[in-house]
Amino acid sequence: MTLSLAATHAKGKFAVDKIFGAAGAAAQAVAQFGKDKVVNATIGSILDDNEALVCLSTVEKVFRNLPITEVANYAPIAGLPDYLEAATALAFGENRPDAYTNAVATPGGTGVIHHTIWNYSEIGDTVLTSDWYWGPYKVLCEEALRKIATYTLFDENQNFNIKSFEAKVNELLAKQNSLVTLINTPAHNPTGYSLSDSEWDQVLEVVKTAAKDQSKRLVIMVDIAYIDYAGEQEQARAFMKKFGNLPDNVLIILAFSMSKGFTMYGQRTGAMIGISKSKDVIKEFGDINQFSSRATWSNVNRGCMRLLTTIYNDKSLLAQLKEERSQYYNMIRERADIFMREAKTANLNMLPYIAGFFLTIPSKNPDAVCNKLHDDNIFAVPLAKGVRIAVCAVPSAKITGMAAKVAQAMAAVE
């Protein structure tokens, strides 16, 4: 018997990250064959056409010019007040809902997910998300002694499956009084899908109907990590207006992150933004989430908070940043368009892509498909039910011809 000193709730836990595993295999191939011979579609960061990591030049310039005291010093547990104000303003754009709001700094969007699960679901509860989801959602639930359940994201017409969503909401609320739902939109990871405004209306109608039972508490956490690469900025945020005047027992939480929008992936800075009709709920939101921050990571990266605040308060810098983002959005869009066009020619079935860093091909045997692609020095990420392609990281020249090779690999193993 293997010796273990772990507590009962920790025993046996381990994480196998297929994304980093696939990236490692790609790195080995690059070392063996050279970068020009390898297609690395595993990386969830923007790479330019020379496959170098992109840091937006406005971000780099401002960050390098911050006083060292702003980089090295502690920040308040809740976050710098002007950062929280700026992050909230940037999250909403011109679409601030008619509601009370509050914000707490977090280490990226992951910190928001952690606090949402920990503070708004009961131990042993089941958290809801779609059947296509970012793998760490499950890890975060399990670490917090919760379970995860899924509804079917797409219906037979490749639209949001509102019937499956409604059925799962009602099923879980029949068993528990609180329900946390994680929705990643716009530019969903891993599919690139975005809920339309009318689909949001349907989601909120389900939530409002369930909320008529005052004994129930419903929390929708919207993971907006990729929103700055989801299309026209205000149009991509228009759905947020719908979060005003919801029932008192409904709380909306936005997971704001600087990782993608400010290309500061490793600096781990984000914000948890609460939206509620109730002043009491929003006061409690600030109190309990600050408390959890003190009990986990303490405080968040001051330098990165000051970076965002500096850019936000300078109209010229903010305009430059948006222009740079727009260029990279168009670059990613061009890559995705090539893949989708060639996928159609190759009769390769893919999930509906609207925008974002990734697109996904459903597969009965994703691991085998990805292993077969290694024969062509193509590296992608095998998911539970498909193959994820990071169009954010692959130059257009290497995207060309890729869909046909994926189709060939699928035909060979399936």
Protein backbone atom coordinates (compact mmCIF):
# COMPACT_ATOMS: atom_id res chain seq x y z
CA MET A 1 0.00 0.00 0.00
CA THR A 2 1.29 3.47 -0.95
CA LEU A 3 1.97 5.71 2.03
CA SER A 4 -0.19 8.83 2.14
CA LEU A 5 -0.22 11.67 4.63
CA ALA A 6 -2.88 13.66 2.74
CA ALA A 7 -6.19 14.60 4.29
CA THR A 8 -9.14 12.50 3.17
CA HIS A 9 -10.49 15.23 0.87
CA ALA A 10 -7.08 15.65 -0.83
CA LYS A 11 -6.01 12.04 -1.19
CA GLY A 12 -5.66 10.78 -4.76
CA LYS A 13 -5.90 14.18 -6.44
CA PHE A 14 -3.72 14.84 -9.45
CA ALA A 15 -4.15 16.87 -12.60
CA VAL A 16 -3.18 15.75 -16.09
CA ASP A 17 -3.25 18.82 -18.31
CA LYS A 18 -3.62 17.74 -21.93
CA ILE A 19 -3.00 21.28 -23.16
CA PHE A 20 0.46 21.51 -21.63
CA GLY A 21 1.14 17.88 -22.59
CA ALA A 22 0.35 18.60 -26.24
CA ALA A 23 2.45 21.79 -26.11
CA GLY A 24 5.36 19.77 -24.73
CA ALA A 25 5.11 17.27 -27.58
CA ALA A 26 5.12 20.15 -30.08
CA ALA A 27 8.22 21.64 -28.45
CA GLN A 28 10.03 18.29 -28.83
CA ALA A 29 9.11 18.18 -32.51
CA VAL A 30 10.41 21.72 -33.02
CA ALA A 31 13.72 20.72 -31.43
CA GLN A 32 13.94 17.70 -33.72
CA PHE A 33 12.65 19.06 -37.05
CA GLY A 34 12.83 22.86 -36.78
CA LYS A 35 10.06 25.41 -36.20
CA ASP A 36 9.25 25.82 -39.88
CA LYS A 37 8.34 22.12 -40.16
CA VAL A 38 5.98 22.03 -37.16
CA VAL A 39 2.42 23.35 -36.72
CA ASN A 40 1.84 24.09 -33.04
CA ALA A 41 -1.90 24.64 -32.58
CA THR A 42 -1.84 24.04 -28.81
CA ILE A 43 -0.92 27.47 -27.42
CA GLY A 44 -3.70 29.63 -25.93
CA SER A 45 -1.83 32.89 -26.49
CA ILE A 46 -1.55 35.19 -29.50
CA LEU A 47 1.53 34.46 -31.61
CA ASP A 48 2.43 36.67 -34.54
CA ASP A 49 3.22 35.41 -38.04
CA ASN A 50 6.77 34.66 -36.91
CA GLU A 51 5.31 32.62 -34.03
CA ALA A 52 6.59 35.00 -31.38
CA LEU A 53 4.44 35.74 -28.33
CA VAL A 54 2.54 38.98 -28.77
CA CYS A 55 2.60 41.63 -26.07
CA LEU A 56 0.66 44.70 -27.14
CA SER A 57 3.21 47.48 -27.60
CA THR A 58 1.17 50.06 -25.66
CA VAL A 59 0.98 47.64 -22.74
CA GLU A 60 4.73 46.98 -22.84
CA LYS A 61 5.58 50.69 -23.00
CA VAL A 62 3.37 51.63 -20.04
CA PHE A 63 4.46 48.63 -17.96
CA ARG A 64 8.17 49.33 -18.45
CA ASN A 65 7.68 52.95 -17.37
CA LEU A 66 5.84 52.26 -14.12
CA PRO A 67 7.70 53.36 -10.96
CA ILE A 68 9.30 50.35 -9.26
CA THR A 69 7.28 51.14 -6.12
CA GLU A 70 4.09 50.49 -8.10
CA VAL A 71 5.44 47.16 -9.32
CA ALA A 72 6.93 45.90 -6.06
CA ASN A 73 4.51 47.17 -3.45
CA TYR A 74 1.54 45.42 -1.87
CA ALA A 75 -1.99 46.27 -2.98
CA PRO A 76 -5.16 46.38 -0.87
CA ILE A 77 -6.85 42.99 -0.51
CA ALA A 78 -9.86 44.10 -2.57
CA GLY A 79 -7.63 45.70 -5.19
CA LEU A 80 -6.69 49.30 -5.93
CA PRO A 81 -9.94 51.33 -5.94
CA ASP A 82 -9.15 53.11 -9.22
CA TYR A 83 -8.29 49.74 -10.82
CA LEU A 84 -11.64 48.27 -9.78
CA GLU A 85 -13.42 51.30 -11.20
CA ALA A 86 -11.47 51.12 -14.48
CA ALA A 87 -11.82 47.34 -14.86
CA THR A 88 -15.59 47.61 -14.32
CA ALA A 89 -15.84 50.41 -16.88
CA LEU A 90 -13.81 48.44 -19.43
CA ALA A 91 -15.85 45.29 -18.83
CA PHE A 92 -19.17 47.03 -19.46
CA GLY A 93 -18.17 49.59 -22.08
CA GLU A 94 -21.34 51.54 -22.90
CA ASN A 95 -23.55 48.67 -21.71
CA ARG A 96 -23.64 49.06 -17.93
CA PRO A 97 -26.85 47.48 -16.65
CA ASP A 98 -29.39 49.21 -14.43
CA ALA A 99 -28.21 47.52 -11.23
CA TYR A 100 -25.85 47.78 -8.28
CA THR A 101 -22.30 46.62 -9.00
CA ASN A 102 -19.16 45.89 -7.01
CA ALA A 103 -15.73 44.48 -7.86
CA VAL A 104 -12.90 42.57 -6.19
CA ALA A 105 -9.44 42.03 -7.71
CA THR A 106 -8.49 38.44 -8.55
CA PRO A 107 -5.50 36.60 -10.05
CA GLY A 108 -6.94 36.41 -13.56
CA GLY A 109 -10.31 34.96 -14.49
CA THR A 110 -9.44 31.75 -12.65
CA GLY A 111 -9.64 33.59 -9.33
CA VAL A 112 -13.17 34.72 -10.19
CA ILE A 113 -14.23 31.15 -10.92
CA HIS A 114 -12.69 29.96 -7.65
CA HIS A 115 -14.51 32.52 -5.51
CA THR A 116 -17.79 32.05 -7.37
CA ILE A 117 -17.80 28.31 -6.76
CA TRP A 118 -16.60 28.61 -3.16
CA ASN A 119 -18.88 31.43 -2.02
CA TYR A 120 -22.09 30.79 -3.99
CA SER A 121 -22.53 27.02 -4.01
CA GLU A 122 -22.84 24.72 -1.02
CA ILE A 123 -20.26 22.01 -0.30
CA GLY A 124 -21.43 18.94 -2.19
CA ASP A 125 -23.52 20.96 -4.66
CA THR A 126 -23.34 20.49 -8.40
CA VAL A 127 -22.18 23.42 -10.57
CA LEU A 128 -23.58 23.68 -14.11
CA THR A 129 -21.79 24.45 -17.38
CA SER A 130 -22.00 23.36 -21.04
CA ASP A 131 -20.73 20.02 -22.33
CA TRP A 132 -17.95 21.86 -24.19
CA TYR A 133 -15.98 23.67 -21.49
CA TRP A 134 -12.51 24.74 -20.36
CA GLY A 135 -11.10 21.76 -18.44
CA PRO A 136 -10.05 23.64 -15.26
CA TYR A 137 -13.75 24.33 -14.49
CA LYS A 138 -13.97 20.70 -13.36
CA VAL A 139 -10.71 20.91 -11.38
CA LEU A 140 -11.90 24.06 -9.60
CA CYS A 141 -15.19 22.39 -8.68
CA GLU A 142 -13.52 19.24 -7.39
CA GLU A 143 -10.95 21.18 -5.37
CA ALA A 144 -13.82 23.01 -3.66
CA LEU A 145 -15.62 19.69 -2.94
CA ARG A 146 -18.29 20.34 -5.55
CA LYS A 147 -19.39 18.35 -8.59
CA ILE A 148 -19.89 19.54 -12.16
CA ALA A 149 -22.77 18.74 -14.52
CA THR A 150 -23.30 19.77 -18.13
CA TYR A 151 -26.10 20.63 -20.52
CA THR A 152 -25.77 20.13 -24.28
CA LEU A 153 -24.41 23.37 -25.72
CA PHE A 154 -25.66 22.99 -29.31
CA ASP A 155 -29.01 21.80 -30.64
CA GLU A 156 -29.50 20.00 -33.95
CA ASN A 157 -29.27 23.34 -35.81
CA GLN A 158 -25.98 24.29 -34.11
CA ASN A 159 -27.69 27.01 -32.05
CA PHE A 160 -27.60 27.37 -28.26
CA ASN A 161 -29.60 24.46 -26.84
CA ILE A 162 -32.03 26.29 -24.59
CA LYS A 163 -34.14 23.17 -23.98
CA SER A 164 -31.16 21.26 -22.60
CA PHE A 165 -30.14 24.26 -20.49
CA GLU A 166 -33.64 24.65 -19.04
CA ALA A 167 -33.98 20.94 -18.29
CA LYS A 168 -30.65 20.83 -16.45
CA VAL A 169 -31.39 23.99 -14.44
CA ASN A 170 -34.71 22.54 -13.29
CA GLU A 171 -33.19 19.13 -12.56
CA LEU A 172 -30.48 20.57 -10.31
CA LEU A 173 -32.78 23.03 -8.53
CA ALA A 174 -35.04 20.13 -7.63
CA LYS A 175 -32.10 18.74 -5.61
CA GLN A 176 -30.38 21.87 -4.26
CA ASN A 177 -31.32 25.41 -3.30
CA SER A 178 -28.36 27.21 -4.86
CA LEU A 179 -27.20 26.86 -8.45
CA VAL A 180 -24.01 28.32 -9.88
CA THR A 181 -23.86 28.25 -13.69
CA LEU A 182 -20.67 29.00 -15.63
CA ILE A 183 -21.22 30.47 -19.10
CA ASN A 184 -18.19 31.28 -21.25
CA THR A 185 -19.23 33.85 -23.86
CA PRO A 186 -18.48 35.65 -26.12
CA ALA A 187 -15.73 33.79 -28.04
CA HIS A 188 -16.13 30.59 -26.03
CA ASN A 189 -13.16 28.37 -25.21
CA PRO A 190 -12.88 25.87 -26.91
CA THR A 191 -15.49 26.35 -29.68
CA GLY A 192 -15.34 30.07 -30.52
CA TYR A 193 -19.13 30.33 -30.13
CA SER A 194 -20.89 33.44 -28.81
CA LEU A 195 -24.44 33.53 -27.49
CA SER A 196 -26.63 35.87 -29.53
CA ASP A 197 -28.72 38.55 -27.82
CA SER A 198 -31.87 36.50 -28.41
CA GLU A 199 -30.21 33.41 -26.90
CA TRP A 200 -29.33 35.50 -23.84
CA ASP A 201 -33.01 36.49 -23.60
CA GLN A 202 -33.92 32.80 -23.49
CA VAL A 203 -31.29 32.02 -20.84
CA LEU A 204 -32.47 34.86 -18.61
CA GLU A 205 -36.11 33.84 -19.05
CA VAL A 206 -35.23 30.38 -17.70
CA VAL A 207 -33.38 31.97 -14.79
CA LYS A 208 -36.22 34.40 -13.97
CA THR A 209 -38.77 31.61 -14.06
CA ALA A 210 -36.68 29.48 -11.68
CA ALA A 211 -36.15 32.49 -9.41
CA LYS A 212 -39.90 32.77 -8.74
CA ASP A 213 -39.21 30.21 -6.04
CA GLN A 214 -37.75 32.55 -3.41
CA SER A 215 -36.03 29.64 -1.63
CA LYS A 216 -33.69 29.26 -4.62
CA ARG A 217 -30.49 31.23 -5.27
CA LEU A 218 -29.25 31.50 -8.85
CA VAL A 219 -25.80 32.74 -9.79
CA ILE A 220 -24.66 33.09 -13.40
CA MET A 221 -20.91 33.59 -13.81
CA VAL A 222 -20.08 34.90 -17.27
CA ASP A 223 -16.50 34.14 -18.28
CA ILE A 224 -15.61 37.07 -20.56
CA ALA A 225 -11.89 36.27 -20.85
CA TYR A 226 -11.90 36.58 -24.66
CA ILE A 227 -14.34 39.48 -25.04
CA ASP A 228 -11.76 41.88 -26.50
CA TYR A 229 -11.30 39.51 -29.47
CA ALA A 230 -15.00 38.82 -29.98
CA GLY A 231 -15.80 41.46 -32.60
CA GLU A 232 -16.93 45.10 -32.40
CA GLN A 233 -16.40 46.12 -28.78
CA GLU A 234 -19.83 47.53 -27.89
CA GLN A 235 -21.73 44.94 -29.89
CA ALA A 236 -19.85 42.17 -28.07
CA ARG A 237 -20.97 43.69 -24.74
CA ALA A 238 -24.57 44.54 -25.64
CA PHE A 239 -25.92 41.53 -23.73
CA MET A 240 -24.75 43.04 -20.43
CA LYS A 241 -27.60 45.57 -20.51
CA LYS A 242 -29.92 42.61 -19.94
CA PHE A 243 -28.50 42.09 -16.44
CA GLY A 244 -30.45 45.02 -15.01
CA ASN A 245 -33.59 44.56 -12.90
CA LEU A 246 -33.27 40.81 -12.46
CA PRO A 247 -34.92 39.19 -9.40
CA ASP A 248 -33.29 39.76 -6.00
CA ASN A 249 -32.29 36.10 -5.76
CA VAL A 250 -30.30 36.24 -9.01
CA LEU A 251 -26.67 37.38 -9.02
CA ILE A 252 -24.61 37.88 -12.17
CA ILE A 253 -20.81 37.74 -11.90
CA LEU A 254 -18.43 38.79 -14.70
CA ALA A 255 -15.01 37.15 -14.81
CA PHE A 256 -12.81 39.96 -16.16
CA SER A 257 -9.23 39.10 -17.05
CA MET A 258 -6.18 41.04 -18.23
CA SER A 259 -4.58 37.90 -19.64
CA LYS A 260 -5.90 38.18 -23.19
CA GLY A 261 -7.16 41.74 -23.56
CA PHE A 262 -3.90 43.17 -22.22
CA THR A 263 -1.66 40.20 -23.24
CA MET A 264 -0.45 39.90 -19.63
CA TYR A 265 -1.09 36.17 -19.30
CA GLY A 266 1.46 35.39 -16.61
CA GLN A 267 0.89 38.51 -14.50
CA ARG A 268 -2.38 36.98 -13.21
CA THR A 269 -4.62 39.99 -12.83
CA GLY A 270 -8.38 40.16 -13.18
CA ALA A 271 -11.54 41.28 -11.43
CA MET A 272 -14.71 39.69 -10.10
CA ILE A 273 -17.61 42.02 -10.96
CA GLY A 274 -20.95 41.46 -9.25
CA ILE A 275 -24.27 42.70 -10.65
CA SER A 276 -27.51 42.68 -8.65
CA LYS A 277 -30.77 44.52 -8.18
CA SER A 278 -30.19 44.24 -4.42
CA LYS A 279 -27.91 46.63 -2.57
CA ASP A 280 -27.58 44.07 0.25
CA VAL A 281 -26.44 41.33 -2.13
CA ILE A 282 -23.76 43.62 -3.59
CA LYS A 283 -22.53 44.70 -0.15
CA GLU A 284 -22.28 41.01 0.83
CA PHE A 285 -20.51 40.30 -2.49
CA GLY A 286 -17.67 42.67 -1.59
CA ASP A 287 -17.40 41.43 1.98
CA ILE A 288 -17.30 37.68 1.41
CA ASN A 289 -15.06 37.76 -1.63
CA GLN A 290 -12.50 40.04 0.04
CA PHE A 291 -12.51 37.61 2.97
CA SER A 292 -11.84 34.67 0.62
CA SER A 293 -9.08 36.61 -1.11
CA ARG A 294 -7.32 37.13 2.22
CA ALA A 295 -7.65 33.42 2.92
CA THR A 296 -6.23 32.29 -0.45
CA TRP A 297 -3.89 34.55 -2.43
CA SER A 298 -3.98 37.59 -0.10
CA ASN A 299 -3.59 40.38 -2.65
CA VAL A 300 -3.19 40.74 -6.41
CA ASN A 301 -0.45 42.08 -8.71
CA ARG A 302 -0.25 45.83 -8.00
CA GLY A 303 1.87 46.65 -11.05
CA CYS A 304 -0.63 45.17 -13.48
CA MET A 305 -3.52 46.95 -11.77
CA ARG A 306 -1.63 50.24 -12.10
CA LEU A 307 -0.91 49.42 -15.76
CA LEU A 308 -4.61 49.06 -16.59
CA THR A 309 -5.51 52.20 -14.64
CA THR A 310 -2.83 54.25 -16.40
CA ILE A 311 -4.03 53.20 -19.84
CA TYR A 312 -7.71 53.63 -18.99
CA ASN A 313 -7.19 57.19 -17.72
CA ASP A 314 -5.28 58.30 -20.84
CA LYS A 315 -7.60 58.50 -23.86
CA SER A 316 -4.69 58.45 -26.30
CA LEU A 317 -3.16 55.31 -24.77
CA LEU A 318 -6.56 53.59 -24.62
CA ALA A 319 -7.21 54.40 -28.29
CA GLN A 320 -3.79 52.99 -29.23
CA LEU A 321 -4.47 49.82 -27.26
CA LYS A 322 -7.82 49.29 -28.95
CA GLU A 323 -6.27 49.81 -32.38
CA GLU A 324 -3.55 47.24 -31.68
CA ARG A 325 -6.12 44.75 -30.41
CA SER A 326 -8.19 45.32 -33.54
CA GLN A 327 -5.22 44.40 -35.73
CA TYR A 328 -4.68 41.15 -33.85
CA TYR A 329 -8.40 40.38 -33.86
CA ASN A 330 -8.36 40.71 -37.66
CA MET A 331 -5.25 38.50 -37.87
CA ILE A 332 -6.92 35.74 -35.83
CA ARG A 333 -10.14 36.17 -37.81
CA GLU A 334 -8.23 35.71 -41.08
CA ARG A 335 -6.66 32.49 -39.79
CA ALA A 336 -10.03 31.13 -38.65
CA ASP A 337 -11.63 32.06 -41.98
CA ILE A 338 -8.99 30.07 -43.88
CA PHE A 339 -9.58 27.01 -41.70
CA MET A 340 -13.38 27.23 -41.93
CA ARG A 341 -13.30 27.70 -45.71
CA GLU A 342 -10.99 24.72 -46.18
CA ALA A 343 -12.95 22.64 -43.66
CA LYS A 344 -16.05 23.10 -45.80
CA THR A 345 -14.15 21.96 -48.88
CA ALA A 346 -12.82 18.91 -47.00
CA ASN A 347 -16.29 18.07 -45.56
CA LEU A 348 -14.81 18.44 -42.09
CA ASN A 349 -17.54 18.98 -39.51
CA MET A 350 -16.63 21.68 -36.98
CA LEU A 351 -18.54 23.39 -34.19
CA PRO A 352 -19.90 26.88 -34.98
CA TYR A 353 -17.15 29.47 -34.65
CA ILE A 354 -18.00 33.16 -34.18
CA ALA A 355 -14.75 34.59 -32.79
CA GLY A 356 -11.91 33.98 -30.37
CA PHE A 357 -8.70 32.05 -29.91
CA PHE A 358 -9.94 28.52 -30.64
CA LEU A 359 -12.10 26.39 -32.88
CA THR A 360 -13.07 22.76 -32.36
CA ILE A 361 -13.75 19.68 -34.48
CA PRO A 362 -16.00 17.03 -32.87
CA SER A 363 -14.38 13.58 -32.80
CA LYS A 364 -15.18 10.09 -31.51
CA ASN A 365 -11.52 9.47 -30.75
CA PRO A 366 -9.73 12.81 -30.18
CA ASP A 367 -6.53 11.31 -28.75
CA ALA A 368 -6.09 9.03 -31.75
CA VAL A 369 -6.75 11.91 -34.17
CA CYS A 370 -4.18 14.12 -32.46
CA ASN A 371 -1.64 11.28 -32.42
CA LYS A 372 -2.22 10.69 -36.14
CA LEU A 373 -1.70 14.40 -36.83
CA HIS A 374 1.77 14.05 -35.29
CA ASP A 375 2.71 12.16 -38.49
CA ASP A 376 2.36 15.52 -40.27
CA ASN A 377 4.02 17.39 -37.38
CA ILE A 378 0.68 19.00 -36.51
CA PHE A 379 -0.02 19.36 -32.80
CA ALA A 380 -3.51 20.09 -31.45
CA VAL A 381 -5.24 19.52 -28.12
CA PRO A 382 -7.42 16.44 -27.62
CA LEU A 383 -10.56 17.25 -25.62
CA ALA A 384 -13.14 14.81 -24.27
CA LYS A 385 -15.24 14.98 -27.44
CA GLY A 386 -13.13 16.76 -30.02
CA VAL A 387 -9.92 18.37 -31.21
CA ARG A 388 -9.11 21.99 -30.31
CA ILE A 389 -7.19 24.17 -32.77
CA ALA A 390 -5.60 27.38 -31.43
CA VAL A 391 -5.98 29.73 -34.40
CA CYS A 392 -4.55 32.48 -32.18
CA ALA A 393 -1.14 30.82 -32.40
CA VAL A 394 -0.81 29.44 -35.94
CA PRO A 395 0.28 31.73 -38.83
CA SER A 396 -2.01 31.84 -41.87
CA ALA A 397 0.65 30.15 -44.01
CA LYS A 398 0.57 27.12 -41.68
CA ILE A 399 -3.22 27.16 -41.31
CA THR A 400 -3.49 26.69 -45.07
CA GLY A 401 -3.92 22.98 -45.80
CA MET A 402 -4.44 22.09 -42.15
CA ALA A 403 -8.19 21.32 -42.33
CA ALA A 404 -7.62 18.73 -45.05
CA LYS A 405 -4.96 17.01 -42.96
CA VAL A 406 -7.28 16.94 -39.94
CA ALA A 407 -9.98 15.38 -42.15
CA GLN A 408 -7.48 12.76 -43.37
CA ALA A 409 -6.39 11.96 -39.82
CA MET A 410 -10.00 11.53 -38.73
CA ALA A 411 -10.76 9.26 -41.67
CA ALA A 412 -7.71 7.15 -40.84
CA VAL A 413 -8.56 6.53 -37.18
CA GLU A 414 -12.34 6.77 -37.06
